[in-house]
């Protein structure tokens, strides 16, 4: 009977260990959120943020997870210091009052064994809106240099600037903005 109970205990302990959520910390050197928009109908402009932090929690067995991302909006990089200042002004990101933008998930949706989308709340300038990030790629494997498990993903969402009190110059500068999140994260 003792052997049977030990075997059952070992089985349940192993099952819990296998299904345990894993936490990954965002690699700030390989995660650069960017956004693109149409400028006067002439071209698609692309800018990025140089500072991001956060974590991803994933349980592949249970097909659940969570994403928590903070973007330092003062790190906006348009390729022009003058335009960086313009983008940080009150009519756009208003980085003096709102130096960060955040995404906090409410649900991770899986297709087969991989996340396909992440529902959550995007907060910019203190205004929170529900959004769904569409995941176009996702992969986890041992990191060849860090010698730890790592995950990477590419996700995107289209939002309206006007929903976040940033609609100046619309419709000449498109109200719709595509936000891309290429993220790499290292297991904690």
N, C-alpha and C. Protein backbone atom coordinates (compact mmCIF):
# COMPACT_ATOMS: atom_id res chain seq x y z
N UNK A 1 0.82 -1.20 0.00
CA UNK A 1 0.00 0.00 0.00
C UNK A 1 0.87 1.26 0.00
N UNK A 2 1.97 1.26 0.80
CA UNK A 2 2.87 2.42 0.84
C UNK A 2 3.48 2.67 -0.53
N UNK A 3 3.86 1.60 -1.24
CA UNK A 3 4.44 1.76 -2.57
C UNK A 3 3.42 2.36 -3.53
N UNK A 4 2.19 1.92 -3.41
CA UNK A 4 1.13 2.44 -4.28
C UNK A 4 0.90 3.93 -4.01
N UNK A 5 0.84 4.32 -2.72
CA UNK A 5 0.64 5.73 -2.36
C UNK A 5 1.83 6.58 -2.82
N UNK A 6 3.04 6.06 -2.69
CA UNK A 6 4.23 6.78 -3.13
C UNK A 6 4.19 6.98 -4.64
N UNK A 7 3.79 5.97 -5.37
CA UNK A 7 3.70 6.06 -6.82
C UNK A 7 2.65 7.09 -7.23
N UNK A 8 1.51 7.07 -6.54
CA UNK A 8 0.44 8.03 -6.84
C UNK A 8 0.92 9.45 -6.53
N UNK A 9 1.58 9.64 -5.38
CA UNK A 9 2.10 10.96 -5.01
C UNK A 9 3.12 11.45 -6.03
N UNK A 10 4.01 10.56 -6.47
CA UNK A 10 5.02 10.90 -7.45
C UNK A 10 4.36 11.29 -8.78
N UNK A 11 3.32 10.55 -9.18
CA UNK A 11 2.61 10.85 -10.42
C UNK A 11 1.99 12.24 -10.37
N UNK A 12 1.30 12.55 -9.26
CA UNK A 12 0.66 13.86 -9.14
C UNK A 12 1.69 14.98 -9.06
N UNK A 13 2.79 14.76 -8.38
CA UNK A 13 3.85 15.77 -8.31
C UNK A 13 4.43 16.02 -9.69
N UNK A 14 4.65 14.95 -10.46
CA UNK A 14 5.17 15.10 -11.82
C UNK A 14 4.16 15.81 -12.71
N UNK A 15 2.89 15.49 -12.56
CA UNK A 15 1.85 16.14 -13.36
C UNK A 15 1.78 17.63 -13.09
N UNK A 16 1.90 18.00 -11.82
CA UNK A 16 1.88 19.41 -11.46
C UNK A 16 3.10 20.12 -12.03
N UNK A 17 4.26 19.49 -11.96
CA UNK A 17 5.49 20.10 -12.48
C UNK A 17 5.40 20.29 -13.99
N UNK A 18 4.83 19.33 -14.69
CA UNK A 18 4.73 19.42 -16.14
C UNK A 18 3.78 20.54 -16.55
N UNK A 19 2.70 20.70 -15.81
CA UNK A 19 1.67 21.67 -16.20
C UNK A 19 1.87 23.04 -15.56
N UNK A 20 2.99 23.23 -14.88
CA UNK A 20 3.22 24.50 -14.18
C UNK A 20 3.44 25.65 -15.17
N UNK A 21 2.88 26.81 -14.87
CA UNK A 21 3.15 27.98 -15.71
C UNK A 21 4.63 28.36 -15.64
N UNK A 22 5.15 28.86 -16.75
CA UNK A 22 6.53 29.29 -16.81
C UNK A 22 6.55 30.79 -17.08
N UNK A 23 7.45 31.49 -16.40
CA UNK A 23 7.55 32.94 -16.53
C UNK A 23 8.78 33.30 -17.35
N UNK A 24 8.59 34.20 -18.31
CA UNK A 24 9.66 34.67 -19.18
C UNK A 24 9.74 36.19 -19.06
N UNK A 25 10.95 36.70 -18.85
CA UNK A 25 11.16 38.14 -18.73
C UNK A 25 11.57 38.68 -20.11
N UNK A 26 10.94 39.78 -20.52
CA UNK A 26 11.20 40.36 -21.83
C UNK A 26 12.67 40.78 -21.95
N UNK A 27 13.30 40.35 -23.03
CA UNK A 27 14.68 40.71 -23.35
C UNK A 27 14.64 42.09 -24.01
N UNK A 28 15.09 43.10 -23.28
CA UNK A 28 14.98 44.48 -23.75
C UNK A 28 15.86 44.77 -24.96
N UNK A 29 16.88 43.94 -25.20
CA UNK A 29 17.75 44.16 -26.35
C UNK A 29 17.17 43.62 -27.65
N UNK A 30 16.19 42.72 -27.55
CA UNK A 30 15.65 42.09 -28.76
C UNK A 30 14.13 42.23 -28.85
N UNK A 31 13.61 43.25 -28.20
CA UNK A 31 12.17 43.52 -28.23
C UNK A 31 11.99 45.01 -28.49
N UNK A 32 11.55 45.34 -29.69
CA UNK A 32 11.42 46.75 -30.06
C UNK A 32 10.05 47.02 -30.66
N UNK A 33 9.09 47.40 -29.82
CA UNK A 33 7.76 47.73 -30.35
C UNK A 33 7.85 48.86 -31.37
N UNK A 34 7.04 48.76 -32.39
CA UNK A 34 7.05 49.80 -33.42
C UNK A 34 5.62 50.09 -33.86
N UNK A 35 5.46 51.23 -34.50
CA UNK A 35 4.14 51.60 -34.99
C UNK A 35 4.29 52.24 -36.36
N UNK A 36 3.27 52.03 -37.20
CA UNK A 36 3.30 52.59 -38.55
C UNK A 36 1.95 53.23 -38.86
N UNK A 37 2.01 54.25 -39.70
CA UNK A 37 0.81 55.00 -40.07
C UNK A 37 1.04 55.65 -41.43
N UNK A 38 -0.05 56.02 -42.08
CA UNK A 38 0.03 56.66 -43.38
C UNK A 38 0.20 58.16 -43.19
N UNK A 39 1.21 58.72 -43.85
CA UNK A 39 1.50 60.14 -43.74
C UNK A 39 1.06 60.87 -45.00
N UNK A 40 -0.06 61.58 -44.92
CA UNK A 40 -0.60 62.41 -45.99
C UNK A 40 -0.87 61.66 -47.28
N UNK A 41 -0.95 60.33 -47.21
CA UNK A 41 -1.16 59.52 -48.39
C UNK A 41 0.11 59.26 -49.18
N UNK A 42 1.21 59.87 -48.76
CA UNK A 42 2.48 59.71 -49.47
C UNK A 42 3.18 58.40 -49.14
N UNK A 43 3.23 58.07 -47.86
CA UNK A 43 4.05 56.91 -47.46
C UNK A 43 3.59 56.37 -46.12
N UNK A 44 4.03 55.14 -45.82
CA UNK A 44 3.82 54.54 -44.50
C UNK A 44 5.05 54.88 -43.67
N UNK A 45 4.85 55.58 -42.59
CA UNK A 45 5.94 55.95 -41.69
C UNK A 45 6.08 54.89 -40.61
N UNK A 46 7.31 54.60 -40.23
CA UNK A 46 7.60 53.57 -39.23
C UNK A 46 8.45 54.17 -38.13
N UNK A 47 8.01 54.02 -36.89
CA UNK A 47 8.76 54.48 -35.72
C UNK A 47 8.79 53.35 -34.70
N UNK A 48 9.64 53.49 -33.70
CA UNK A 48 9.75 52.42 -32.69
C UNK A 48 9.96 53.03 -31.32
N UNK A 49 9.90 52.17 -30.33
CA UNK A 49 10.25 52.53 -28.96
C UNK A 49 11.49 51.72 -28.58
N UNK A 50 12.44 52.38 -27.95
CA UNK A 50 13.70 51.71 -27.61
C UNK A 50 13.71 51.06 -26.24
N UNK A 51 12.71 51.34 -25.40
CA UNK A 51 12.69 50.78 -24.05
C UNK A 51 11.36 50.09 -23.77
N UNK A 52 11.45 48.83 -23.40
CA UNK A 52 10.28 48.01 -23.09
C UNK A 52 10.64 47.11 -21.91
N UNK A 53 9.66 46.76 -21.12
CA UNK A 53 9.87 45.81 -20.03
C UNK A 53 8.60 45.00 -19.85
N UNK A 54 8.72 43.90 -19.12
CA UNK A 54 7.53 43.11 -18.84
C UNK A 54 7.83 41.63 -18.78
N UNK A 55 6.76 40.87 -18.73
CA UNK A 55 6.91 39.42 -18.65
C UNK A 55 5.75 38.72 -19.34
N UNK A 56 6.03 37.47 -19.65
CA UNK A 56 5.04 36.58 -20.25
C UNK A 56 4.99 35.34 -19.39
N UNK A 57 3.80 34.93 -19.03
CA UNK A 57 3.61 33.68 -18.28
C UNK A 57 2.82 32.76 -19.19
N UNK A 58 3.30 31.55 -19.34
CA UNK A 58 2.63 30.62 -20.25
C UNK A 58 2.61 29.22 -19.66
N UNK A 59 1.47 28.58 -19.81
CA UNK A 59 1.31 27.17 -19.44
C UNK A 59 0.84 26.47 -20.71
N UNK A 60 1.79 25.86 -21.40
CA UNK A 60 1.47 25.24 -22.70
C UNK A 60 0.53 24.05 -22.55
N UNK A 61 0.64 23.35 -21.43
CA UNK A 61 -0.22 22.19 -21.22
C UNK A 61 -1.67 22.61 -20.99
N UNK A 62 -1.85 23.61 -20.14
CA UNK A 62 -3.20 24.10 -19.83
C UNK A 62 -3.72 25.06 -20.91
N UNK A 63 -2.83 25.48 -21.81
CA UNK A 63 -3.17 26.44 -22.86
C UNK A 63 -3.73 27.73 -22.27
N UNK A 64 -2.93 28.26 -21.32
CA UNK A 64 -3.26 29.54 -20.70
C UNK A 64 -2.00 30.38 -20.63
N UNK A 65 -2.18 31.65 -20.37
CA UNK A 65 -1.03 32.51 -20.23
C UNK A 65 -1.43 33.94 -19.94
N UNK A 66 -0.41 34.75 -19.72
CA UNK A 66 -0.63 36.17 -19.43
C UNK A 66 0.54 36.97 -19.99
N UNK A 67 0.23 38.18 -20.41
CA UNK A 67 1.23 39.09 -20.95
C UNK A 67 1.09 40.42 -20.22
N UNK A 68 2.22 40.97 -19.79
CA UNK A 68 2.25 42.25 -19.10
C UNK A 68 3.43 43.04 -19.67
N UNK A 69 3.14 44.09 -20.45
CA UNK A 69 4.17 44.85 -21.15
C UNK A 69 4.05 46.32 -20.79
N UNK A 70 5.20 46.94 -20.54
CA UNK A 70 5.26 48.38 -20.32
C UNK A 70 6.23 48.97 -21.33
N UNK A 71 5.78 49.97 -22.05
CA UNK A 71 6.61 50.67 -23.04
C UNK A 71 6.90 52.07 -22.52
N UNK A 72 8.17 52.42 -22.52
CA UNK A 72 8.60 53.75 -22.13
C UNK A 72 8.37 54.67 -23.34
N UNK A 73 7.32 55.48 -23.29
CA UNK A 73 6.97 56.32 -24.45
C UNK A 73 7.98 57.45 -24.66
N UNK A 74 8.80 57.76 -23.64
CA UNK A 74 9.84 58.77 -23.83
C UNK A 74 10.97 58.22 -24.69
N UNK A 75 10.97 56.92 -24.96
CA UNK A 75 12.02 56.31 -25.78
C UNK A 75 11.61 56.21 -27.24
N UNK A 76 10.56 56.93 -27.65
CA UNK A 76 10.12 56.88 -29.04
C UNK A 76 11.28 57.28 -29.94
N UNK A 77 11.42 56.55 -31.04
CA UNK A 77 12.53 56.77 -31.96
C UNK A 77 11.96 56.84 -33.38
N UNK A 78 11.83 58.07 -33.87
CA UNK A 78 11.29 58.28 -35.22
C UNK A 78 12.39 58.40 -36.26
N UNK A 79 13.63 58.48 -35.78
CA UNK A 79 14.76 58.72 -36.68
C UNK A 79 15.14 60.19 -36.74
N UNK A 80 14.39 61.05 -36.05
CA UNK A 80 14.65 62.48 -36.04
C UNK A 80 14.42 63.01 -34.62
N UNK A 81 15.42 63.65 -34.04
CA UNK A 81 15.27 64.15 -32.67
C UNK A 81 14.16 65.21 -32.60
N UNK A 82 14.03 66.03 -33.63
CA UNK A 82 12.96 67.03 -33.66
C UNK A 82 11.59 66.36 -33.68
N UNK A 83 11.43 65.32 -34.50
CA UNK A 83 10.14 64.63 -34.57
C UNK A 83 9.89 63.79 -33.32
N UNK A 84 10.95 63.30 -32.68
CA UNK A 84 10.77 62.60 -31.39
C UNK A 84 10.11 63.54 -30.39
N UNK A 85 10.60 64.79 -30.32
CA UNK A 85 10.02 65.78 -29.41
C UNK A 85 8.56 66.06 -29.78
N UNK A 86 8.29 66.19 -31.07
CA UNK A 86 6.93 66.44 -31.56
C UNK A 86 5.99 65.30 -31.16
N UNK A 87 6.46 64.07 -31.30
CA UNK A 87 5.65 62.89 -30.99
C UNK A 87 5.39 62.76 -29.49
N UNK A 88 6.32 63.29 -28.68
CA UNK A 88 6.15 63.22 -27.22
C UNK A 88 5.30 64.37 -26.67
N UNK A 89 4.94 65.32 -27.51
CA UNK A 89 4.18 66.49 -27.07
C UNK A 89 2.78 66.12 -26.59
N UNK A 90 2.13 67.09 -25.97
CA UNK A 90 0.81 66.88 -25.34
C UNK A 90 -0.23 66.34 -26.31
N UNK A 91 -0.23 66.79 -27.57
CA UNK A 91 -1.27 66.34 -28.50
C UNK A 91 -1.06 64.90 -28.99
N UNK A 92 0.10 64.34 -28.70
CA UNK A 92 0.33 62.94 -29.07
C UNK A 92 0.55 62.13 -27.79
N UNK A 93 1.75 61.63 -27.51
CA UNK A 93 1.95 60.75 -26.35
C UNK A 93 1.92 61.48 -25.01
N UNK A 94 2.13 62.78 -24.99
CA UNK A 94 2.13 63.56 -23.75
C UNK A 94 2.98 62.87 -22.68
N UNK A 95 4.25 62.67 -23.02
CA UNK A 95 5.14 61.88 -22.16
C UNK A 95 5.47 62.54 -20.83
N UNK A 96 5.24 63.85 -20.72
CA UNK A 96 5.47 64.50 -19.42
C UNK A 96 4.47 63.94 -18.40
N UNK A 97 3.21 63.82 -18.79
CA UNK A 97 2.17 63.30 -17.90
C UNK A 97 2.04 61.78 -17.97
N UNK A 98 2.38 61.19 -19.12
CA UNK A 98 2.15 59.76 -19.34
C UNK A 98 3.40 59.13 -19.96
N UNK A 99 4.42 58.88 -19.15
CA UNK A 99 5.69 58.38 -19.70
C UNK A 99 5.68 56.90 -20.10
N UNK A 100 4.56 56.22 -19.88
CA UNK A 100 4.50 54.81 -20.28
C UNK A 100 3.16 54.49 -20.94
N UNK A 101 3.19 53.45 -21.75
CA UNK A 101 1.99 52.82 -22.29
C UNK A 101 2.06 51.37 -21.84
N UNK A 102 0.92 50.75 -21.58
CA UNK A 102 0.93 49.37 -21.09
C UNK A 102 -0.07 48.49 -21.85
N UNK A 103 0.25 47.20 -21.87
CA UNK A 103 -0.69 46.19 -22.33
C UNK A 103 -0.73 45.12 -21.26
N UNK A 104 -1.91 44.83 -20.76
CA UNK A 104 -2.11 43.77 -19.77
C UNK A 104 -3.17 42.82 -20.31
N UNK A 105 -2.80 41.56 -20.43
CA UNK A 105 -3.71 40.60 -21.03
C UNK A 105 -4.83 40.21 -20.08
N UNK A 106 -5.93 39.79 -20.67
CA UNK A 106 -7.04 39.21 -19.92
C UNK A 106 -7.23 37.75 -20.30
N UNK A 107 -6.74 37.37 -21.51
CA UNK A 107 -6.89 35.98 -21.96
C UNK A 107 -5.93 35.71 -23.11
N UNK A 108 -5.28 34.56 -23.06
CA UNK A 108 -4.43 34.10 -24.15
C UNK A 108 -5.18 33.01 -24.88
N UNK A 109 -5.35 33.17 -26.19
CA UNK A 109 -6.12 32.22 -26.99
C UNK A 109 -5.18 31.36 -27.82
N UNK A 110 -5.33 30.05 -27.73
CA UNK A 110 -4.44 29.11 -28.40
C UNK A 110 -5.09 28.53 -29.66
N UNK A 111 -4.27 28.22 -30.63
CA UNK A 111 -4.66 27.41 -31.78
C UNK A 111 -3.65 26.27 -31.79
N UNK A 112 -4.14 25.06 -31.65
CA UNK A 112 -3.28 23.89 -31.47
C UNK A 112 -2.45 24.12 -30.21
N UNK A 113 -1.13 24.12 -30.32
CA UNK A 113 -0.27 24.23 -29.14
C UNK A 113 0.38 25.61 -28.99
N UNK A 114 -0.06 26.59 -29.77
CA UNK A 114 0.59 27.90 -29.73
C UNK A 114 -0.43 29.02 -29.54
N UNK A 115 -0.01 30.10 -28.88
CA UNK A 115 -0.90 31.26 -28.78
C UNK A 115 -1.19 31.82 -30.17
N UNK A 116 -2.45 32.12 -30.44
CA UNK A 116 -2.87 32.70 -31.72
C UNK A 116 -3.27 34.16 -31.56
N UNK A 117 -3.73 34.51 -30.37
CA UNK A 117 -4.09 35.90 -30.08
C UNK A 117 -4.10 36.09 -28.57
N UNK A 118 -4.03 37.37 -28.20
CA UNK A 118 -4.05 37.72 -26.77
C UNK A 118 -5.00 38.88 -26.59
N UNK A 119 -6.05 38.67 -25.82
CA UNK A 119 -6.99 39.73 -25.49
C UNK A 119 -6.46 40.49 -24.28
N UNK A 120 -6.68 41.79 -24.25
CA UNK A 120 -6.21 42.55 -23.10
C UNK A 120 -6.59 44.00 -23.18
N UNK A 121 -5.95 44.78 -22.32
CA UNK A 121 -6.23 46.20 -22.22
C UNK A 121 -4.97 46.99 -22.57
N UNK A 122 -5.10 47.87 -23.54
CA UNK A 122 -4.02 48.77 -23.94
C UNK A 122 -4.31 50.13 -23.31
N UNK A 123 -3.31 50.67 -22.60
CA UNK A 123 -3.47 51.97 -21.96
C UNK A 123 -2.42 52.92 -22.51
N UNK A 124 -2.89 54.01 -23.11
CA UNK A 124 -2.03 55.07 -23.64
C UNK A 124 -2.62 56.39 -23.15
N UNK A 125 -1.78 57.27 -22.62
CA UNK A 125 -2.21 58.58 -22.10
C UNK A 125 -3.29 58.42 -21.02
N UNK A 126 -3.23 57.35 -20.26
CA UNK A 126 -4.20 57.12 -19.20
C UNK A 126 -5.55 56.64 -19.69
N UNK A 127 -5.68 56.39 -20.97
CA UNK A 127 -6.94 55.90 -21.55
C UNK A 127 -6.78 54.41 -21.86
N UNK A 128 -7.68 53.61 -21.34
CA UNK A 128 -7.61 52.16 -21.50
C UNK A 128 -8.69 51.67 -22.45
N UNK A 129 -8.28 50.82 -23.40
CA UNK A 129 -9.21 50.25 -24.38
C UNK A 129 -8.93 48.76 -24.53
N UNK A 130 -9.98 47.95 -24.72
CA UNK A 130 -9.76 46.52 -24.99
C UNK A 130 -9.24 46.34 -26.41
N UNK A 131 -8.24 45.49 -26.56
CA UNK A 131 -7.68 45.18 -27.87
C UNK A 131 -7.35 43.70 -27.93
N UNK A 132 -7.16 43.20 -29.13
CA UNK A 132 -6.70 41.82 -29.33
C UNK A 132 -5.44 41.85 -30.16
N UNK A 133 -4.34 41.36 -29.59
CA UNK A 133 -3.10 41.22 -30.33
C UNK A 133 -3.17 39.93 -31.12
N UNK A 134 -2.94 40.00 -32.42
CA UNK A 134 -2.90 38.81 -33.26
C UNK A 134 -1.46 38.32 -33.34
N UNK A 135 -1.24 37.07 -32.95
CA UNK A 135 0.10 36.50 -32.91
C UNK A 135 0.39 35.81 -34.24
N UNK A 136 1.38 36.31 -34.97
CA UNK A 136 1.70 35.74 -36.29
C UNK A 136 2.78 34.66 -36.20
N UNK A 137 3.58 34.69 -35.14
CA UNK A 137 4.57 33.64 -34.93
C UNK A 137 4.85 33.51 -33.45
N UNK A 138 5.17 32.29 -33.04
CA UNK A 138 5.49 32.01 -31.64
C UNK A 138 6.38 30.78 -31.60
N UNK A 139 7.48 30.87 -30.84
CA UNK A 139 8.37 29.73 -30.72
C UNK A 139 9.12 29.79 -29.39
N UNK A 140 9.26 28.64 -28.76
CA UNK A 140 10.07 28.52 -27.56
C UNK A 140 11.12 27.44 -27.81
N UNK A 141 12.34 27.69 -27.30
CA UNK A 141 13.42 26.72 -27.42
C UNK A 141 14.56 27.17 -26.52
N UNK A 142 15.54 26.31 -26.28
CA UNK A 142 16.70 26.75 -25.50
C UNK A 142 17.45 27.85 -26.25
N UNK A 143 17.80 28.91 -25.52
CA UNK A 143 18.56 30.01 -26.13
C UNK A 143 20.01 29.56 -26.27
N UNK A 144 20.57 29.62 -27.48
CA UNK A 144 21.91 29.07 -27.70
C UNK A 144 23.03 29.81 -26.97
N UNK A 145 22.84 31.08 -26.62
CA UNK A 145 23.90 31.82 -25.94
C UNK A 145 23.64 31.97 -24.44
N UNK A 146 22.39 32.15 -24.06
CA UNK A 146 22.07 32.37 -22.65
C UNK A 146 21.94 31.07 -21.86
N UNK A 147 21.84 29.96 -22.59
CA UNK A 147 21.73 28.63 -21.97
C UNK A 147 20.52 28.54 -21.04
N UNK A 148 19.44 29.21 -21.43
CA UNK A 148 18.16 29.15 -20.73
C UNK A 148 17.09 29.00 -21.79
N UNK A 149 15.91 28.55 -21.38
CA UNK A 149 14.79 28.51 -22.31
C UNK A 149 14.37 29.93 -22.64
N UNK A 150 13.92 30.12 -23.87
CA UNK A 150 13.47 31.43 -24.32
C UNK A 150 12.28 31.26 -25.25
N UNK A 151 11.47 32.30 -25.33
CA UNK A 151 10.33 32.32 -26.25
C UNK A 151 10.38 33.61 -27.05
N UNK A 152 9.88 33.53 -28.27
CA UNK A 152 9.78 34.71 -29.11
C UNK A 152 8.43 34.74 -29.79
N UNK A 153 7.95 35.94 -30.04
CA UNK A 153 6.65 36.08 -30.70
C UNK A 153 6.62 37.38 -31.48
N UNK A 154 5.77 37.40 -32.48
CA UNK A 154 5.44 38.62 -33.21
C UNK A 154 3.93 38.77 -33.12
N UNK A 155 3.50 39.92 -32.64
CA UNK A 155 2.07 40.19 -32.50
C UNK A 155 1.79 41.59 -33.02
N UNK A 156 0.55 41.82 -33.44
CA UNK A 156 0.19 43.14 -33.94
C UNK A 156 -1.28 43.44 -33.66
N UNK A 157 -1.58 44.72 -33.71
CA UNK A 157 -2.94 45.20 -33.53
C UNK A 157 -3.06 46.54 -34.25
N UNK A 158 -4.23 46.83 -34.77
CA UNK A 158 -4.51 48.14 -35.38
C UNK A 158 -5.40 48.90 -34.40
N UNK A 159 -4.98 50.11 -34.07
CA UNK A 159 -5.75 50.96 -33.16
C UNK A 159 -5.99 52.31 -33.81
N UNK A 160 -6.92 53.06 -33.26
CA UNK A 160 -7.18 54.42 -33.73
C UNK A 160 -6.55 55.40 -32.75
N UNK A 161 -5.78 56.33 -33.29
CA UNK A 161 -5.15 57.36 -32.45
C UNK A 161 -6.19 58.15 -31.68
N UNK A 162 -7.29 58.45 -32.35
CA UNK A 162 -8.34 59.27 -31.73
C UNK A 162 -8.95 58.60 -30.50
N UNK A 163 -8.90 57.26 -30.42
CA UNK A 163 -9.42 56.56 -29.24
C UNK A 163 -8.58 56.86 -28.00
N UNK A 164 -7.35 57.33 -28.21
CA UNK A 164 -6.43 57.61 -27.11
C UNK A 164 -6.08 59.10 -27.02
N UNK A 165 -6.99 59.95 -27.54
CA UNK A 165 -6.82 61.40 -27.50
C UNK A 165 -5.51 61.82 -28.18
N UNK A 166 -5.23 61.20 -29.34
CA UNK A 166 -4.02 61.50 -30.10
C UNK A 166 -4.36 61.74 -31.57
N UNK A 167 -5.56 62.20 -31.86
CA UNK A 167 -6.04 62.27 -33.23
C UNK A 167 -5.66 63.51 -34.02
N UNK A 168 -4.74 64.31 -33.52
CA UNK A 168 -4.37 65.53 -34.24
C UNK A 168 -3.92 65.21 -35.67
N UNK A 169 -4.33 66.01 -36.60
CA UNK A 169 -4.01 65.92 -38.03
C UNK A 169 -4.75 64.81 -38.77
N UNK A 170 -5.64 64.07 -38.10
CA UNK A 170 -6.45 63.08 -38.81
C UNK A 170 -7.50 63.84 -39.60
N UNK A 171 -7.85 63.46 -40.78
CA UNK A 171 -7.49 62.23 -41.48
C UNK A 171 -6.24 62.35 -42.36
N UNK A 172 -5.61 63.53 -42.38
CA UNK A 172 -4.44 63.68 -43.25
C UNK A 172 -3.33 62.72 -42.85
N UNK A 173 -3.09 62.62 -41.56
CA UNK A 173 -2.23 61.57 -41.02
C UNK A 173 -3.20 60.52 -40.51
N UNK A 174 -3.07 59.29 -40.97
CA UNK A 174 -4.10 58.29 -40.70
C UNK A 174 -4.41 58.14 -39.22
N UNK A 175 -5.70 57.99 -38.94
CA UNK A 175 -6.14 57.73 -37.57
C UNK A 175 -5.75 56.31 -37.17
N UNK A 176 -5.80 55.40 -38.13
CA UNK A 176 -5.44 54.01 -37.84
C UNK A 176 -3.92 53.86 -37.82
N UNK A 177 -3.46 53.20 -36.77
CA UNK A 177 -2.03 52.95 -36.58
C UNK A 177 -1.85 51.46 -36.32
N UNK A 178 -0.89 50.86 -37.01
CA UNK A 178 -0.57 49.45 -36.75
C UNK A 178 0.55 49.41 -35.73
N UNK A 179 0.31 48.69 -34.65
CA UNK A 179 1.32 48.49 -33.61
C UNK A 179 1.83 47.07 -33.73
N UNK A 180 3.15 46.93 -33.89
CA UNK A 180 3.79 45.62 -33.97
C UNK A 180 4.63 45.39 -32.73
N UNK A 181 4.52 44.19 -32.17
CA UNK A 181 5.29 43.83 -30.99
C UNK A 181 6.14 42.59 -31.27
N UNK A 182 7.37 42.79 -31.74
CA UNK A 182 8.29 41.66 -31.83
C UNK A 182 8.96 41.51 -30.46
N UNK A 183 8.74 40.37 -29.83
CA UNK A 183 9.21 40.20 -28.44
C UNK A 183 10.00 38.91 -28.31
N UNK A 184 11.10 39.00 -27.58
CA UNK A 184 11.85 37.82 -27.15
C UNK A 184 11.91 37.89 -25.63
N UNK A 185 11.79 36.74 -24.99
CA UNK A 185 11.78 36.70 -23.53
C UNK A 185 12.55 35.47 -23.03
N UNK A 186 13.25 35.64 -21.93
CA UNK A 186 14.10 34.60 -21.35
C UNK A 186 13.45 34.05 -20.10
N UNK A 187 13.47 32.74 -19.96
CA UNK A 187 12.84 32.10 -18.80
C UNK A 187 13.49 32.58 -17.51
N UNK A 188 12.64 32.93 -16.56
CA UNK A 188 13.08 33.44 -15.26
C UNK A 188 13.83 32.38 -14.48
